[in-house]
Amino acid sequence: MLANYTAKPIEFEGQFYDQRHGGPFDRGAADSYYNRGHNPHYYVAGTGTSRRFDMHDMTALQITAYTAGYNWNEQHGNKKDWG
């Protein structure tokens, strides 16, 4: 994957969100997918390969994007099958 790859924006509840790997929307969707709690955070670049920003370092828009990703995945029911 190219480092500067930008995923197509995703629409959820009338808003468009950047779904790049490591971004707030992506991290929210991933936390939902893995049945983790709502814990806003994101990475500057790839997940686990760059600096992590937690909720106290995030803007209101970033927290909204994280929450949208979490809620989007909850609505779609895409969950990790641990079986």
PDB file of N, CA and C in Angstrom:
ATOM      1  N   MET A   1       0.845  -1.180   0.000  1.00  0.00           N
ATOM      2  CA  MET A   1       0.000   0.000   0.000  1.00  0.00           C
ATOM      3  C   MET A   1       0.885   1.235   0.000  1.00  0.00           C
ATOM      4  N   LEU A   2       0.484   2.217  -0.758  1.00  0.00           N
ATOM      5  CA  LEU A   2       1.243   3.458  -0.807  1.00  0.00           C
ATOM      6  C   LEU A   2       1.018   4.275   0.456  1.00  0.00           C
ATOM      7  N   ALA A   3       2.051   4.922   0.936  1.00  0.00           N
ATOM      8  CA  ALA A   3       1.961   5.724   2.151  1.00  0.00           C
ATOM      9  C   ALA A   3       0.989   6.886   2.012  1.00  0.00           C
ATOM     10  N   ASN A   4       0.848   7.424   0.818  1.00  0.00           N
ATOM     11  CA  ASN A   4      -0.027   8.579   0.636  1.00  0.00           C
ATOM     12  C   ASN A   4      -1.404   8.179   0.096  1.00  0.00           C
ATOM     13  N   TYR A   5      -1.740   6.901   0.179  1.00  0.00           N
ATOM     14  CA  TYR A   5      -3.035   6.416  -0.281  1.00  0.00           C
ATOM     15  C   TYR A   5      -4.152   7.088   0.503  1.00  0.00           C
ATOM     16  N   THR A   6      -5.158   7.584  -0.208  1.00  0.00           N
ATOM     17  CA  THR A   6      -6.318   8.199   0.426  1.00  0.00           C
ATOM     18  C   THR A   6      -7.554   7.421   0.003  1.00  0.00           C
ATOM     19  N   ALA A   7      -8.236   6.845   0.978  1.00  0.00           N
ATOM     20  CA  ALA A   7      -9.457   6.104   0.694  1.00  0.00           C
ATOM     21  C   ALA A   7     -10.573   7.067   0.309  1.00  0.00           C
ATOM     22  N   LYS A   8     -11.510   6.560  -0.455  1.00  0.00           N
ATOM     23  CA  LYS A   8     -12.675   7.353  -0.842  1.00  0.00           C
ATOM     24  C   LYS A   8     -13.443   7.741   0.419  1.00  0.00           C
ATOM     25  N   PRO A   9     -13.866   8.996   0.540  1.00  0.00           N
ATOM     26  CA  PRO A   9     -14.645   9.393   1.713  1.00  0.00           C
ATOM     27  C   PRO A   9     -15.912   8.547   1.832  1.00  0.00           C
ATOM     28  N   ILE A  10     -16.317   8.300   3.043  1.00  0.00           N
ATOM     29  CA  ILE A  10     -17.517   7.522   3.299  1.00  0.00           C
ATOM     30  C   ILE A  10     -18.595   8.444   3.853  1.00  0.00           C
ATOM     31  N   GLU A  11     -19.823   8.245   3.395  1.00  0.00           N
ATOM     32  CA  GLU A  11     -20.937   9.059   3.885  1.00  0.00           C
ATOM     33  C   GLU A  11     -21.654   8.317   4.999  1.00  0.00           C
ATOM     34  N   PHE A  12     -21.924   9.023   6.073  1.00  0.00           N
ATOM     35  CA  PHE A  12     -22.684   8.464   7.192  1.00  0.00           C
ATOM     36  C   PHE A  12     -23.512   9.587   7.804  1.00  0.00           C
ATOM     37  N   GLU A  13     -24.797   9.357   7.865  1.00  0.00           N
ATOM     38  CA  GLU A  13     -25.744  10.316   8.432  1.00  0.00           C
ATOM     39  C   GLU A  13     -25.582  11.725   7.849  1.00  0.00           C
ATOM     40  N   GLY A  14     -25.417  11.775   6.522  1.00  0.00           N
ATOM     41  CA  GLY A  14     -25.362  13.049   5.820  1.00  0.00           C
ATOM     42  C   GLY A  14     -24.028  13.769   5.861  1.00  0.00           C
ATOM     43  N   GLN A  15     -23.022  13.175   6.464  1.00  0.00           N
ATOM     44  CA  GLN A  15     -21.684  13.769   6.524  1.00  0.00           C
ATOM     45  C   GLN A  15     -20.699  12.848   5.813  1.00  0.00           C
ATOM     46  N   PHE A  16     -19.625  13.417   5.287  1.00  0.00           N
ATOM     47  CA  PHE A  16     -18.576  12.624   4.652  1.00  0.00           C
ATOM     48  C   PHE A  16     -17.361  12.583   5.567  1.00  0.00           C
ATOM     49  N   TYR A  17     -16.767  11.401   5.672  1.00  0.00           N
ATOM     50  CA  TYR A  17     -15.617  11.192   6.553  1.00  0.00           C
ATOM     51  C   TYR A  17     -14.473  10.543   5.786  1.00  0.00           C
ATOM     52  N   ASP A  18     -13.275  10.984   6.095  1.00  0.00           N
ATOM     53  CA  ASP A  18     -12.056  10.385   5.568  1.00  0.00           C
ATOM     54  C   ASP A  18     -11.873   9.051   6.291  1.00  0.00           C
ATOM     55  N   GLN A  19     -11.752   7.975   5.539  1.00  0.00           N
ATOM     56  CA  GLN A  19     -11.613   6.669   6.180  1.00  0.00           C
ATOM     57  C   GLN A  19     -10.200   6.084   6.048  1.00  0.00           C
ATOM     58  N   ARG A  20      -9.220   6.974   5.976  1.00  0.00           N
ATOM     59  CA  ARG A  20      -7.844   6.478   5.838  1.00  0.00           C
ATOM     60  C   ARG A  20      -7.459   5.620   7.046  1.00  0.00           C
ATOM     61  N   HIS A  21      -6.597   4.650   6.783  1.00  0.00           N
ATOM     62  CA  HIS A  21      -6.127   3.758   7.843  1.00  0.00           C
ATOM     63  C   HIS A  21      -5.426   4.566   8.932  1.00  0.00           C
ATOM     64  N   GLY A  22      -5.878   4.391  10.155  1.00  0.00           N
ATOM     65  CA  GLY A  22      -5.287   5.094  11.285  1.00  0.00           C
ATOM     66  C   GLY A  22      -6.018   6.363  11.668  1.00  0.00           C
ATOM     67  N   GLY A  23      -6.876   6.873  10.774  1.00  0.00           N
ATOM     68  CA  GLY A  23      -7.609   8.101  11.060  1.00  0.00           C
ATOM     69  C   GLY A  23      -8.743   7.876  12.056  1.00  0.00           C
ATOM     70  N   PRO A  24      -9.357   8.942  12.538  1.00  0.00           N
ATOM     71  CA  PRO A  24     -10.401   8.814  13.551  1.00  0.00           C
ATOM     72  C   PRO A  24     -11.579   7.922  13.145  1.00  0.00           C
ATOM     73  N   PHE A  25     -12.105   8.083  11.922  1.00  0.00           N
ATOM     74  CA  PHE A  25     -13.230   7.248  11.488  1.00  0.00           C
ATOM     75  C   PHE A  25     -12.826   5.774  11.470  1.00  0.00           C
ATOM     76  N   ASP A  26     -11.668   5.504  10.906  1.00  0.00           N
ATOM     77  CA  ASP A  26     -11.146   4.133  10.825  1.00  0.00           C
ATOM     78  C   ASP A  26     -10.965   3.513  12.201  1.00  0.00           C
ATOM     79  N   ARG A  27     -10.416   4.275  13.136  1.00  0.00           N
ATOM     80  CA  ARG A  27     -10.178   3.737  14.489  1.00  0.00           C
ATOM     81  C   ARG A  27     -11.494   3.476  15.216  1.00  0.00           C
ATOM     82  N   GLY A  28     -12.488   4.342  15.014  1.00  0.00           N
ATOM     83  CA  GLY A  28     -13.794   4.100  15.619  1.00  0.00           C
ATOM     84  C   GLY A  28     -14.427   2.832  15.073  1.00  0.00           C
ATOM     85  N   ALA A  29     -14.379   2.673  13.753  1.00  0.00           N
ATOM     86  CA  ALA A  29     -14.937   1.469  13.137  1.00  0.00           C
ATOM     87  C   ALA A  29     -14.194   0.221  13.619  1.00  0.00           C
ATOM     88  N   ALA A  30     -12.887   0.313  13.760  1.00  0.00           N
ATOM     89  CA  ALA A  30     -12.098  -0.829  14.216  1.00  0.00           C
ATOM     90  C   ALA A  30     -12.438  -1.188  15.662  1.00  0.00           C
ATOM     91  N   ASP A  31     -12.593  -0.194  16.522  1.00  0.00           N
ATOM     92  CA  ASP A  31     -12.940  -0.494  17.911  1.00  0.00           C
ATOM     93  C   ASP A  31     -14.288  -1.204  17.982  1.00  0.00           C
ATOM     94  N   SER A  32     -15.248  -0.763  17.185  1.00  0.00           N
ATOM     95  CA  SER A  32     -16.545  -1.437  17.133  1.00  0.00           C
ATOM     96  C   SER A  32     -16.387  -2.859  16.600  1.00  0.00           C
ATOM     97  N   TYR A  33     -15.637  -3.014  15.518  1.00  0.00           N
ATOM     98  CA  TYR A  33     -15.429  -4.323  14.888  1.00  0.00           C
ATOM     99  C   TYR A  33     -14.874  -5.341  15.880  1.00  0.00           C
ATOM    100  N   TYR A  34     -13.913  -4.911  16.688  1.00  0.00           N
ATOM    101  CA  TYR A  34     -13.278  -5.804  17.651  1.00  0.00           C
ATOM    102  C   TYR A  34     -13.989  -5.822  19.006  1.00  0.00           C
ATOM    103  N   ASN A  35     -15.199  -5.245  19.052  1.00  0.00           N
ATOM    104  CA  ASN A  35     -15.992  -5.209  20.287  1.00  0.00           C
ATOM    105  C   ASN A  35     -15.286  -4.506  21.432  1.00  0.00           C
ATOM    106  N   ARG A  36     -14.489  -3.503  21.093  1.00  0.00           N
ATOM    107  CA  ARG A  36     -13.857  -2.685  22.125  1.00  0.00           C
ATOM    108  C   ARG A  36     -14.793  -1.525  22.448  1.00  0.00           C
ATOM    109  N   GLY A  37     -14.611  -0.928  23.580  1.00  0.00           N
ATOM    110  CA  GLY A  37     -15.437   0.205  23.967  1.00  0.00           C
ATOM    111  C   GLY A  37     -15.128   1.445  23.149  1.00  0.00           C
ATOM    112  N   HIS A  38     -15.993   2.431  23.309  1.00  0.00           N
ATOM    113  CA  HIS A  38     -15.843   3.726  22.645  1.00  0.00           C
ATOM    114  C   HIS A  38     -14.715   4.480  23.341  1.00  0.00           C
ATOM    115  N   ASN A  39     -13.590   4.649  22.657  1.00  0.00           N
ATOM    116  CA  ASN A  39     -12.387   5.265  23.230  1.00  0.00           C
ATOM    117  C   ASN A  39     -11.707   6.091  22.139  1.00  0.00           C
ATOM    118  N   PRO A  40     -12.177   7.325  21.903  1.00  0.00           N
ATOM    119  CA  PRO A  40     -11.655   8.113  20.791  1.00  0.00           C
ATOM    120  C   PRO A  40     -10.130   8.247  20.779  1.00  0.00           C
ATOM    121  N   HIS A  41      -9.567   7.957  19.616  1.00  0.00           N
ATOM    122  CA  HIS A  41      -8.133   8.084  19.370  1.00  0.00           C
ATOM    123  C   HIS A  41      -7.911   7.983  17.863  1.00  0.00           C
ATOM    124  N   TYR A  42      -6.709   8.303  17.435  1.00  0.00           N
ATOM    125  CA  TYR A  42      -6.322   8.106  16.048  1.00  0.00           C
ATOM    126  C   TYR A  42      -4.807   8.146  15.953  1.00  0.00           C
ATOM    127  N   TYR A  43      -4.299   7.790  14.786  1.00  0.00           N
ATOM    128  CA  TYR A  43      -2.863   7.819  14.502  1.00  0.00           C
ATOM    129  C   TYR A  43      -2.601   8.813  13.382  1.00  0.00           C
ATOM    130  N   VAL A  44      -1.484   9.499  13.457  1.00  0.00           N
ATOM    131  CA  VAL A  44      -1.109  10.470  12.438  1.00  0.00           C
ATOM    132  C   VAL A  44      -0.940   9.779  11.083  1.00  0.00           C
ATOM    133  N   ALA A  45      -0.361   8.616  11.091  1.00  0.00           N
ATOM    134  CA  ALA A  45      -0.190   7.830   9.870  1.00  0.00           C
ATOM    135  C   ALA A  45      -0.825   6.473  10.131  1.00  0.00           C
ATOM    136  N   GLY A  46      -0.152   5.407   9.789  1.00  0.00           N
ATOM    137  CA  GLY A  46      -0.712   4.077   9.969  1.00  0.00           C
ATOM    138  C   GLY A  46      -0.889   3.696  11.429  1.00  0.00           C
ATOM    139  N   THR A  47      -1.870   2.855  11.680  1.00  0.00           N
ATOM    140  CA  THR A  47      -2.151   2.363  13.025  1.00  0.00           C
ATOM    141  C   THR A  47      -0.944   1.629  13.580  1.00  0.00           C
ATOM    142  N   GLY A  48      -0.525   2.042  14.755  1.00  0.00           N
ATOM    143  CA  GLY A  48       0.586   1.390  15.431  1.00  0.00           C
ATOM    144  C   GLY A  48       1.964   1.715  14.893  1.00  0.00           C
ATOM    145  N   THR A  49       2.033   2.472  13.792  1.00  0.00           N
ATOM    146  CA  THR A  49       3.340   2.793  13.209  1.00  0.00           C
ATOM    147  C   THR A  49       3.664   4.278  13.296  1.00  0.00           C
ATOM    148  N   SER A  50       2.789   5.023  13.954  1.00  0.00           N
ATOM    149  CA  SER A  50       3.003   6.458  14.102  1.00  0.00           C
ATOM    150  C   SER A  50       2.440   6.897  15.453  1.00  0.00           C
ATOM    151  N   ARG A  51       2.582   8.162  15.722  1.00  0.00           N
ATOM    152  CA  ARG A  51       2.127   8.691  17.004  1.00  0.00           C
ATOM    153  C   ARG A  51       0.623   8.536  17.162  1.00  0.00           C
ATOM    154  N   ARG A  52       0.198   8.077  18.335  1.00  0.00           N
ATOM    155  CA  ARG A  52      -1.213   7.948  18.678  1.00  0.00           C
ATOM    156  C   ARG A  52      -1.668   9.206  19.414  1.00  0.00           C
ATOM    157  N   PHE A  53      -2.840   9.706  19.032  1.00  0.00           N
ATOM    158  CA  PHE A  53      -3.459  10.827  19.719  1.00  0.00           C
ATOM    159  C   PHE A  53      -4.707  10.311  20.423  1.00  0.00           C
ATOM    160  N   ASP A  54      -4.816  10.577  21.710  1.00  0.00           N
ATOM    161  CA  ASP A  54      -5.979  10.182  22.482  1.00  0.00           C
ATOM    162  C   ASP A  54      -6.960  11.341  22.583  1.00  0.00           C
ATOM    163  N   MET A  55      -8.120  11.081  23.157  1.00  0.00           N
ATOM    164  CA  MET A  55      -9.211  12.044  23.150  1.00  0.00           C
ATOM    165  C   MET A  55      -8.799  13.426  23.647  1.00  0.00           C
ATOM    166  N   HIS A  56      -7.966  13.501  24.668  1.00  0.00           N
ATOM    167  CA  HIS A  56      -7.588  14.816  25.204  1.00  0.00           C
ATOM    168  C   HIS A  56      -6.734  15.625  24.214  1.00  0.00           C
ATOM    169  N   ASP A  57      -6.202  14.974  23.174  1.00  0.00           N
ATOM    170  CA  ASP A  57      -5.415  15.646  22.143  1.00  0.00           C
ATOM    171  C   ASP A  57      -6.212  15.885  20.861  1.00  0.00           C
ATOM    172  N   MET A  58      -7.485  15.481  20.844  1.00  0.00           N
ATOM    173  CA  MET A  58      -8.284  15.541  19.619  1.00  0.00           C
ATOM    174  C   MET A  58      -9.196  16.761  19.587  1.00  0.00           C
ATOM    175  N   THR A  59      -9.491  17.198  18.370  1.00  0.00           N
ATOM    176  CA  THR A  59     -10.464  18.276  18.196  1.00  0.00           C
ATOM    177  C   THR A  59     -11.870  17.687  18.270  1.00  0.00           C
ATOM    178  N   ALA A  60     -12.854  18.562  18.403  1.00  0.00           N
ATOM    179  CA  ALA A  60     -14.246  18.109  18.416  1.00  0.00           C
ATOM    180  C   ALA A  60     -14.600  17.391  17.109  1.00  0.00           C
ATOM    181  N   LEU A  61     -14.083  17.874  15.974  1.00  0.00           N
ATOM    182  CA  LEU A  61     -14.359  17.227  14.686  1.00  0.00           C
ATOM    183  C   LEU A  61     -13.731  15.838  14.602  1.00  0.00           C
ATOM    184  N   GLN A  62     -12.547  15.672  15.163  1.00  0.00           N
ATOM    185  CA  GLN A  62     -11.908  14.358  15.164  1.00  0.00           C
ATOM    186  C   GLN A  62     -12.669  13.374  16.048  1.00  0.00           C
ATOM    187  N   ILE A  63     -13.150  13.849  17.187  1.00  0.00           N
ATOM    188  CA  ILE A  63     -13.945  12.988  18.073  1.00  0.00           C
ATOM    189  C   ILE A  63     -15.256  12.611  17.392  1.00  0.00           C
ATOM    190  N   THR A  64     -15.844  13.562  16.683  1.00  0.00           N
ATOM    191  CA  THR A  64     -17.071  13.286  15.935  1.00  0.00           C
ATOM    192  C   THR A  64     -16.814  12.237  14.863  1.00  0.00           C
ATOM    193  N   ALA A  65     -15.689  12.331  14.165  1.00  0.00           N
ATOM    194  CA  ALA A  65     -15.349  11.352  13.126  1.00  0.00           C
ATOM    195  C   ALA A  65     -15.127   9.972  13.734  1.00  0.00           C
ATOM    196  N   TYR A  66     -14.445   9.902  14.870  1.00  0.00           N
ATOM    197  CA  TYR A  66     -14.248   8.621  15.554  1.00  0.00           C
ATOM    198  C   TYR A  66     -15.613   8.018  15.912  1.00  0.00           C
ATOM    199  N   THR A  67     -16.475   8.827  16.513  1.00  0.00           N
ATOM    200  CA  THR A  67     -17.792   8.354  16.939  1.00  0.00           C
ATOM    201  C   THR A  67     -18.623   7.913  15.740  1.00  0.00           C
ATOM    202  N   ALA A  68     -18.523   8.647  14.637  1.00  0.00           N
ATOM    203  CA  ALA A  68     -19.241   8.256  13.424  1.00  0.00           C
ATOM    204  C   ALA A  68     -18.754   6.894  12.927  1.00  0.00           C
ATOM    205  N   GLY A  69     -17.452   6.669  12.934  1.00  0.00           N
ATOM    206  CA  GLY A  69     -16.917   5.368  12.527  1.00  0.00           C
ATOM    207  C   GLY A  69     -17.408   4.248  13.424  1.00  0.00           C
ATOM    208  N   TYR A  70     -17.419   4.519  14.710  1.00  0.00           N
ATOM    209  CA  TYR A  70     -17.897   3.525  15.677  1.00  0.00           C
ATOM    210  C   TYR A  70     -19.372   3.211  15.417  1.00  0.00           C
ATOM    211  N   ASN A  71     -20.191   4.254  15.298  1.00  0.00           N
ATOM    212  CA  ASN A  71     -21.623   4.063  15.092  1.00  0.00           C
ATOM    213  C   ASN A  71     -21.937   3.458  13.728  1.00  0.00           C
ATOM    214  N   TRP A  72     -21.173   3.841  12.703  1.00  0.00           N
ATOM    215  CA  TRP A  72     -21.348   3.258  11.373  1.00  0.00           C
ATOM    216  C   TRP A  72     -21.172   1.752  11.431  1.00  0.00           C
ATOM    217  N   ASN A  73     -20.108   1.303  12.072  1.00  0.00           N
ATOM    218  CA  ASN A  73     -19.867  -0.129  12.154  1.00  0.00           C
ATOM    219  C   ASN A  73     -20.908  -0.832  13.023  1.00  0.00           C
ATOM    220  N   GLU A  74     -21.335  -0.181  14.097  1.00  0.00           N
ATOM    221  CA  GLU A  74     -22.390  -0.765  14.930  1.00  0.00           C
ATOM    222  C   GLU A  74     -23.661  -0.971  14.112  1.00  0.00           C
ATOM    223  N   GLN A  75     -24.025  -0.005  13.285  1.00  0.00           N
ATOM    224  CA  GLN A  75     -25.226  -0.122  12.465  1.00  0.00           C
ATOM    225  C   GLN A  75     -25.113  -1.214  11.414  1.00  0.00           C
ATOM    226  N   HIS A  76     -23.896  -1.404  10.897  1.00  0.00           N
ATOM    227  CA  HIS A  76     -23.691  -2.415   9.872  1.00  0.00           C
ATOM    228  C   HIS A  76     -23.475  -3.806  10.452  1.00  0.00           C
ATOM    229  N   GLY A  77     -23.224  -3.903  11.735  1.00  0.00           N
ATOM    230  CA  GLY A  77     -23.079  -5.198  12.389  1.00  0.00           C
ATOM    231  C   GLY A  77     -21.869  -5.994  11.961  1.00  0.00           C
ATOM    232  N   ASN A  78     -20.851  -5.327  11.452  1.00  0.00           N
ATOM    233  CA  ASN A  78     -19.633  -6.001  11.023  1.00  0.00           C
ATOM    234  C   ASN A  78     -18.743  -6.230  12.248  1.00  0.00           C
ATOM    235  N   LYS A  79     -18.779  -7.455  12.785  1.00  0.00           N
ATOM    236  CA  LYS A  79     -18.046  -7.766  14.012  1.00  0.00           C
ATOM    237  C   LYS A  79     -17.076  -8.915  13.775  1.00  0.00           C
ATOM    238  N   LYS A  80     -15.970  -8.879  14.469  1.00  0.00           N
ATOM    239  CA  LYS A  80     -14.971  -9.936  14.404  1.00  0.00           C
ATOM    240  C   LYS A  80     -15.578 -11.235  14.920  1.00  0.00           C
ATOM    241  N   ASP A  81     -15.433 -12.321  14.171  1.00  0.00           N
ATOM    242  CA  ASP A  81     -15.879 -13.643  14.610  1.00  0.00           C
ATOM    243  C   ASP A  81     -14.707 -14.310  15.313  1.00  0.00           C
ATOM    244  N   TRP A  82     -14.776 -14.358  16.621  1.00  0.00           N
ATOM    245  CA  TRP A  82     -13.689 -14.916  17.420  1.00  0.00           C
ATOM    246  C   TRP A  82     -13.766 -16.453  17.473  1.00  0.00           C
ATOM    247  N   GLY A  83     -14.835 -17.036  16.891  1.00  0.00           N
ATOM    248  CA  GLY A  83     -15.112 -18.471  16.965  1.00  0.00           C
ATOM    249  C   GLY A  83     -14.109 -19.306  16.295  1.00  0.00           C
TER     250      GLY A  83
END
